[in-house]
Amino acid sequence: MNTRIIRITLLTVLSALLLGAQPGPGPERERRPGMHDKLNLTDAQKEQFEKISFDMKKKQIEIRAKLETARLELRRLIGADSFDKSAVEKKLTEIAGLEVQMKMNHFTTWSEKNKALTPEQQKVWKNTLKEQGAKRRQRPGRMMMQREMMDHDGPMKMERRIEKKIINE
């Protein structure tokens, strides 16, 4: 009974981690057509935005490579003949840390770009981003599409493999 509770708890944690494993929206979001026009950016601000985006993209590529490698290693751990719970937990913690790094990079980029704007531009930018976010949330079928993509890409399949491994022990 006690091992069953541990397995269910582990499965719940794994599910939550894997469902949240999708990378956040990229820096391209604030560069939709018309955003720079609405902000009325100076040439210096445009250059600064481009440099901030470039630096962030470089960081994201490095982290994404580490993340994909860690996910590949996790698949190997899960597919092994004997299930090493502590190794899987360690790898999941590493993956979660990399995902947090990616999200923090997005936040840092947003913060740096926000500092480059005048107070008036900041208001326009925040309002435009809110409007875009509301439009994205209202799109029909968005959650279903995300679930299908996750199932196709692997996190859901990986979750099922972990579940089977735990249940079959």
C-alpha atoms as a PDB file:
ATOM      1  CA  MET A   1       0.000   0.000   0.000  1.00  0.00           C
ATOM      2  CA  ASN A   2       2.805   2.411   0.924  1.00  0.00           C
ATOM      3  CA  THR A   3       4.669   1.780  -2.357  1.00  0.00           C
ATOM      4  CA  ARG A   4       1.423   2.337  -4.250  1.00  0.00           C
ATOM      5  CA  ILE A   5       1.060   5.814  -2.675  1.00  0.00           C
ATOM      6  CA  ILE A   6       4.683   6.606  -3.528  1.00  0.00           C
ATOM      7  CA  ARG A   7       4.144   5.477  -7.114  1.00  0.00           C
ATOM      8  CA  ILE A   8       0.984   7.562  -7.480  1.00  0.00           C
ATOM      9  CA  THR A   9       2.749  10.598  -5.989  1.00  0.00           C
ATOM     10  CA  LEU A  10       5.720  10.138  -8.320  1.00  0.00           C
ATOM     11  CA  LEU A  11       3.388   9.749 -11.281  1.00  0.00           C
ATOM     12  CA  THR A  12       1.544  12.940 -10.332  1.00  0.00           C
ATOM     13  CA  VAL A  13       4.799  14.897 -10.046  1.00  0.00           C
ATOM     14  CA  LEU A  14       6.081  13.488 -13.334  1.00  0.00           C
ATOM     15  CA  SER A  15       2.818  14.360 -15.054  1.00  0.00           C
ATOM     16  CA  ALA A  16       2.926  17.932 -13.809  1.00  0.00           C
ATOM     17  CA  LEU A  17       6.553  18.350 -14.873  1.00  0.00           C
ATOM     18  CA  LEU A  18       6.029  16.850 -18.292  1.00  0.00           C
ATOM     19  CA  LEU A  19       2.850  18.811 -19.001  1.00  0.00           C
ATOM     20  CA  GLY A  20       4.656  22.036 -18.155  1.00  0.00           C
ATOM     21  CA  ALA A  21       7.693  21.017 -20.182  1.00  0.00           C
ATOM     22  CA  GLN A  22       6.778  22.989 -23.262  1.00  0.00           C
ATOM     23  CA  PRO A  23       8.887  26.018 -23.895  1.00  0.00           C
ATOM     24  CA  GLY A  24       7.270  29.411 -23.417  1.00  0.00           C
ATOM     25  CA  PRO A  25       6.559  31.877 -26.209  1.00  0.00           C
ATOM     26  CA  GLY A  26       9.646  33.269 -27.906  1.00  0.00           C
ATOM     27  CA  PRO A  27      10.800  36.855 -28.131  1.00  0.00           C
ATOM     28  CA  GLU A  28       9.152  37.091 -31.546  1.00  0.00           C
ATOM     29  CA  ARG A  29       5.840  37.711 -29.769  1.00  0.00           C
ATOM     30  CA  GLU A  30       6.574  41.393 -29.163  1.00  0.00           C
ATOM     31  CA  ARG A  31       7.733  41.853 -32.755  1.00  0.00           C
ATOM     32  CA  ARG A  32       4.422  41.203 -34.442  1.00  0.00           C
ATOM     33  CA  PRO A  33       3.741  43.471 -37.392  1.00  0.00           C
ATOM     34  CA  GLY A  34       2.905  46.916 -36.125  1.00  0.00           C
ATOM     35  CA  MET A  35       4.375  46.601 -32.630  1.00  0.00           C
ATOM     36  CA  HIS A  36       7.381  48.787 -33.436  1.00  0.00           C
ATOM     37  CA  ASP A  37       5.065  51.219 -35.203  1.00  0.00           C
ATOM     38  CA  LYS A  38       2.796  51.432 -32.171  1.00  0.00           C
ATOM     39  CA  LEU A  39       5.782  52.005 -29.905  1.00  0.00           C
ATOM     40  CA  ASN A  40       7.322  54.554 -32.263  1.00  0.00           C
ATOM     41  CA  LEU A  41      10.802  53.245 -31.425  1.00  0.00           C
ATOM     42  CA  THR A  42      13.860  55.311 -32.151  1.00  0.00           C
ATOM     43  CA  ASP A  43      16.643  53.766 -34.216  1.00  0.00           C
ATOM     44  CA  ALA A  44      18.709  53.353 -31.036  1.00  0.00           C
ATOM     45  CA  GLN A  45      15.823  51.536 -29.319  1.00  0.00           C
ATOM     46  CA  LYS A  46      15.357  49.269 -32.343  1.00  0.00           C
ATOM     47  CA  GLU A  47      19.058  48.376 -32.227  1.00  0.00           C
ATOM     48  CA  GLN A  48      18.850  47.754 -28.502  1.00  0.00           C
ATOM     49  CA  PHE A  49      15.788  45.505 -28.957  1.00  0.00           C
ATOM     50  CA  GLU A  50      17.586  43.534 -31.676  1.00  0.00           C
ATOM     51  CA  LYS A  51      20.697  43.074 -29.506  1.00  0.00           C
ATOM     52  CA  ILE A  52      18.629  41.951 -26.508  1.00  0.00           C
ATOM     53  CA  SER A  53      16.693  39.476 -28.696  1.00  0.00           C
ATOM     54  CA  PHE A  54      19.868  38.163 -30.323  1.00  0.00           C
ATOM     55  CA  ASP A  55      21.589  37.588 -26.972  1.00  0.00           C
ATOM     56  CA  MET A  56      18.528  35.844 -25.580  1.00  0.00           C
ATOM     57  CA  LYS A  57      18.165  33.596 -28.621  1.00  0.00           C
ATOM     58  CA  LYS A  58      21.786  32.483 -28.245  1.00  0.00           C
ATOM     59  CA  LYS A  59      21.185  31.596 -24.589  1.00  0.00           C
ATOM     60  CA  GLN A  60      17.965  29.787 -25.448  1.00  0.00           C
ATOM     61  CA  ILE A  61      19.679  27.668 -28.101  1.00  0.00           C
ATOM     62  CA  GLU A  62      22.293  26.535 -25.578  1.00  0.00           C
ATOM     63  CA  ILE A  63      19.689  25.716 -22.942  1.00  0.00           C
ATOM     64  CA  ARG A  64      17.402  24.017 -25.464  1.00  0.00           C
ATOM     65  CA  ALA A  65      20.297  21.756 -26.524  1.00  0.00           C
ATOM     66  CA  LYS A  66      20.941  20.806 -22.885  1.00  0.00           C
ATOM     67  CA  LEU A  67      17.216  20.275 -22.361  1.00  0.00           C
ATOM     68  CA  GLU A  68      16.854  17.970 -25.365  1.00  0.00           C
ATOM     69  CA  THR A  69      19.928  16.015 -24.260  1.00  0.00           C
ATOM     70  CA  ALA A  70      18.494  15.652 -20.746  1.00  0.00           C
ATOM     71  CA  ARG A  71      15.155  14.483 -22.162  1.00  0.00           C
ATOM     72  CA  LEU A  72      16.965  11.936 -24.316  1.00  0.00           C
ATOM     73  CA  GLU A  73      18.868  10.703 -21.262  1.00  0.00           C
ATOM     74  CA  LEU A  74      15.581  10.481 -19.342  1.00  0.00           C
ATOM     75  CA  ARG A  75      14.115   8.296 -22.089  1.00  0.00           C
ATOM     76  CA  ARG A  76      17.094   5.981 -21.736  1.00  0.00           C
ATOM     77  CA  LEU A  77      16.634   5.811 -17.953  1.00  0.00           C
ATOM     78  CA  ILE A  78      12.952   5.037 -18.354  1.00  0.00           C
ATOM     79  CA  GLY A  79      13.622   2.415 -21.012  1.00  0.00           C
ATOM     80  CA  ALA A  80      16.266   0.620 -18.934  1.00  0.00           C
ATOM     81  CA  ASP A  81      15.596  -2.913 -17.732  1.00  0.00           C
ATOM     82  CA  SER A  82      15.673  -1.863 -14.074  1.00  0.00           C
ATOM     83  CA  PHE A  83      13.894   1.295 -12.939  1.00  0.00           C
ATOM     84  CA  ASP A  84      16.213   3.618 -10.993  1.00  0.00           C
ATOM     85  CA  LYS A  85      13.826   5.983  -9.243  1.00  0.00           C
ATOM     86  CA  SER A  86      16.552   8.274  -7.876  1.00  0.00           C
ATOM     87  CA  ALA A  87      18.211   8.652 -11.302  1.00  0.00           C
ATOM     88  CA  VAL A  88      14.863   9.477 -12.925  1.00  0.00           C
ATOM     89  CA  GLU A  89      14.089  11.982 -10.175  1.00  0.00           C
ATOM     90  CA  LYS A  90      17.517  13.609 -10.584  1.00  0.00           C
ATOM     91  CA  LYS A  91      17.072  13.859 -14.356  1.00  0.00           C
ATOM     92  CA  LEU A  92      13.566  15.319 -13.984  1.00  0.00           C
ATOM     93  CA  THR A  93      14.936  17.903 -11.556  1.00  0.00           C
ATOM     94  CA  GLU A  94      17.624  18.815 -14.096  1.00  0.00           C
ATOM     95  CA  ILE A  95      14.984  19.153 -16.840  1.00  0.00           C
ATOM     96  CA  ALA A  96      12.781  21.308 -14.619  1.00  0.00           C
ATOM     97  CA  GLY A  97      15.760  23.565 -13.838  1.00  0.00           C
ATOM     98  CA  LEU A  98      16.531  24.030 -17.526  1.00  0.00           C
ATOM     99  CA  GLU A  99      12.890  24.875 -18.223  1.00  0.00           C
ATOM    100  CA  VAL A 100      12.962  27.477 -15.455  1.00  0.00           C
ATOM    101  CA  GLN A 101      16.128  28.951 -17.002  1.00  0.00           C
ATOM    102  CA  MET A 102      14.377  29.287 -20.359  1.00  0.00           C
ATOM    103  CA  LYS A 103      11.379  31.017 -18.800  1.00  0.00           C
ATOM    104  CA  MET A 104      13.622  33.329 -16.787  1.00  0.00           C
ATOM    105  CA  ASN A 105      15.466  34.260 -19.992  1.00  0.00           C
ATOM    106  CA  HIS A 106      12.149  35.351 -21.482  1.00  0.00           C
ATOM    107  CA  PHE A 107      11.354  37.388 -18.398  1.00  0.00           C
ATOM    108  CA  THR A 108      14.827  38.957 -18.375  1.00  0.00           C
ATOM    109  CA  THR A 109      14.481  39.855 -22.053  1.00  0.00           C
ATOM    110  CA  TRP A 110      11.089  41.439 -21.438  1.00  0.00           C
ATOM    111  CA  SER A 111      12.511  43.373 -18.487  1.00  0.00           C
ATOM    112  CA  GLU A 112      15.526  44.634 -20.453  1.00  0.00           C
ATOM    113  CA  LYS A 113      13.360  45.747 -23.349  1.00  0.00           C
ATOM    114  CA  ASN A 114      10.929  47.420 -20.962  1.00  0.00           C
ATOM    115  CA  LYS A 115      13.799  49.439 -19.449  1.00  0.00           C
ATOM    116  CA  ALA A 116      14.748  50.681 -22.921  1.00  0.00           C
ATOM    117  CA  LEU A 117      11.304  52.243 -23.390  1.00  0.00           C
ATOM    118  CA  THR A 118       9.987  55.570 -22.205  1.00  0.00           C
ATOM    119  CA  PRO A 119       7.104  55.471 -19.686  1.00  0.00           C
ATOM    120  CA  GLU A 120       4.615  56.229 -22.479  1.00  0.00           C
ATOM    121  CA  GLN A 121       6.015  53.467 -24.659  1.00  0.00           C
ATOM    122  CA  GLN A 122       5.888  51.044 -21.717  1.00  0.00           C
ATOM    123  CA  LYS A 123       2.160  51.649 -21.338  1.00  0.00           C
ATOM    124  CA  VAL A 124       1.538  51.066 -25.066  1.00  0.00           C
ATOM    125  CA  TRP A 125       3.696  47.922 -25.048  1.00  0.00           C
ATOM    126  CA  LYS A 126       2.025  46.395 -21.981  1.00  0.00           C
ATOM    127  CA  ASN A 127      -1.459  47.132 -23.336  1.00  0.00           C
ATOM    128  CA  THR A 128      -0.608  45.661 -26.739  1.00  0.00           C
ATOM    129  CA  LEU A 129       0.850  42.524 -25.149  1.00  0.00           C
ATOM    130  CA  LYS A 130      -2.268  42.143 -22.984  1.00  0.00           C
ATOM    131  CA  GLU A 131      -4.495  42.446 -26.061  1.00  0.00           C
ATOM    132  CA  GLN A 132      -2.441  39.882 -27.943  1.00  0.00           C
ATOM    133  CA  GLY A 133      -2.554  37.506 -24.967  1.00  0.00           C
ATOM    134  CA  ALA A 134      -6.332  37.844 -24.729  1.00  0.00           C
ATOM    135  CA  LYS A 135      -6.686  37.117 -28.459  1.00  0.00           C
ATOM    136  CA  ARG A 136      -4.492  34.017 -28.137  1.00  0.00           C
ATOM    137  CA  ARG A 137      -6.525  32.701 -25.207  1.00  0.00           C
ATOM    138  CA  GLN A 138      -9.778  33.158 -27.141  1.00  0.00           C
ATOM    139  CA  ARG A 139      -8.680  31.055 -30.125  1.00  0.00           C
ATOM    140  CA  PRO A 140     -10.907  27.985 -30.369  1.00  0.00           C
ATOM    141  CA  GLY A 141      -9.227  24.615 -30.169  1.00  0.00           C
ATOM    142  CA  ARG A 142      -5.945  26.002 -28.862  1.00  0.00           C
ATOM    143  CA  MET A 143      -5.720  23.662 -25.872  1.00  0.00           C
ATOM    144  CA  MET A 144      -6.674  20.641 -27.950  1.00  0.00           C
ATOM    145  CA  MET A 145      -3.993  21.500 -30.497  1.00  0.00           C
ATOM    146  CA  GLN A 146      -1.381  21.864 -27.737  1.00  0.00           C
ATOM    147  CA  ARG A 147      -2.347  18.484 -26.281  1.00  0.00           C
ATOM    148  CA  GLU A 148      -2.081  16.836 -29.690  1.00  0.00           C
ATOM    149  CA  MET A 149       1.332  18.399 -30.281  1.00  0.00           C
ATOM    150  CA  MET A 150       2.566  17.312 -26.861  1.00  0.00           C
ATOM    151  CA  ASP A 151       1.380  13.779 -27.531  1.00  0.00           C
ATOM    152  CA  HIS A 152       3.122  13.830 -30.910  1.00  0.00           C
ATOM    153  CA  ASP A 153       6.393  15.348 -29.651  1.00  0.00           C
ATOM    154  CA  GLY A 154       6.894  12.939 -26.830  1.00  0.00           C
ATOM    155  CA  PRO A 155       6.175  14.343 -23.358  1.00  0.00           C
ATOM    156  CA  MET A 156       2.844  12.519 -23.156  1.00  0.00           C
ATOM    157  CA  LYS A 157       4.355   9.324 -24.554  1.00  0.00           C
ATOM    158  CA  MET A 158       7.176   9.627 -22.044  1.00  0.00           C
ATOM    159  CA  GLU A 159       4.657  10.079 -19.251  1.00  0.00           C
ATOM    160  CA  ARG A 160       2.875   6.896 -20.326  1.00  0.00           C
ATOM    161  CA  ARG A 161       6.183   4.994 -20.419  1.00  0.00           C
ATOM    162  CA  ILE A 162       6.996   6.169 -16.888  1.00  0.00           C
ATOM    163  CA  GLU A 163       3.522   5.193 -15.744  1.00  0.00           C
ATOM    164  CA  LYS A 164       3.875   1.711 -17.246  1.00  0.00           C
ATOM    165  CA  LYS A 165       7.318   1.293 -15.696  1.00  0.00           C
ATOM    166  CA  ILE A 166       6.027   2.263 -12.258  1.00  0.00           C
ATOM    167  CA  ILE A 167       2.915   0.111 -12.501  1.00  0.00           C
ATOM    168  CA  ASN A 168       4.789  -2.934 -13.755  1.00  0.00           C
ATOM    169  CA  GLU A 169       7.314  -2.922 -10.903  1.00  0.00           C
END
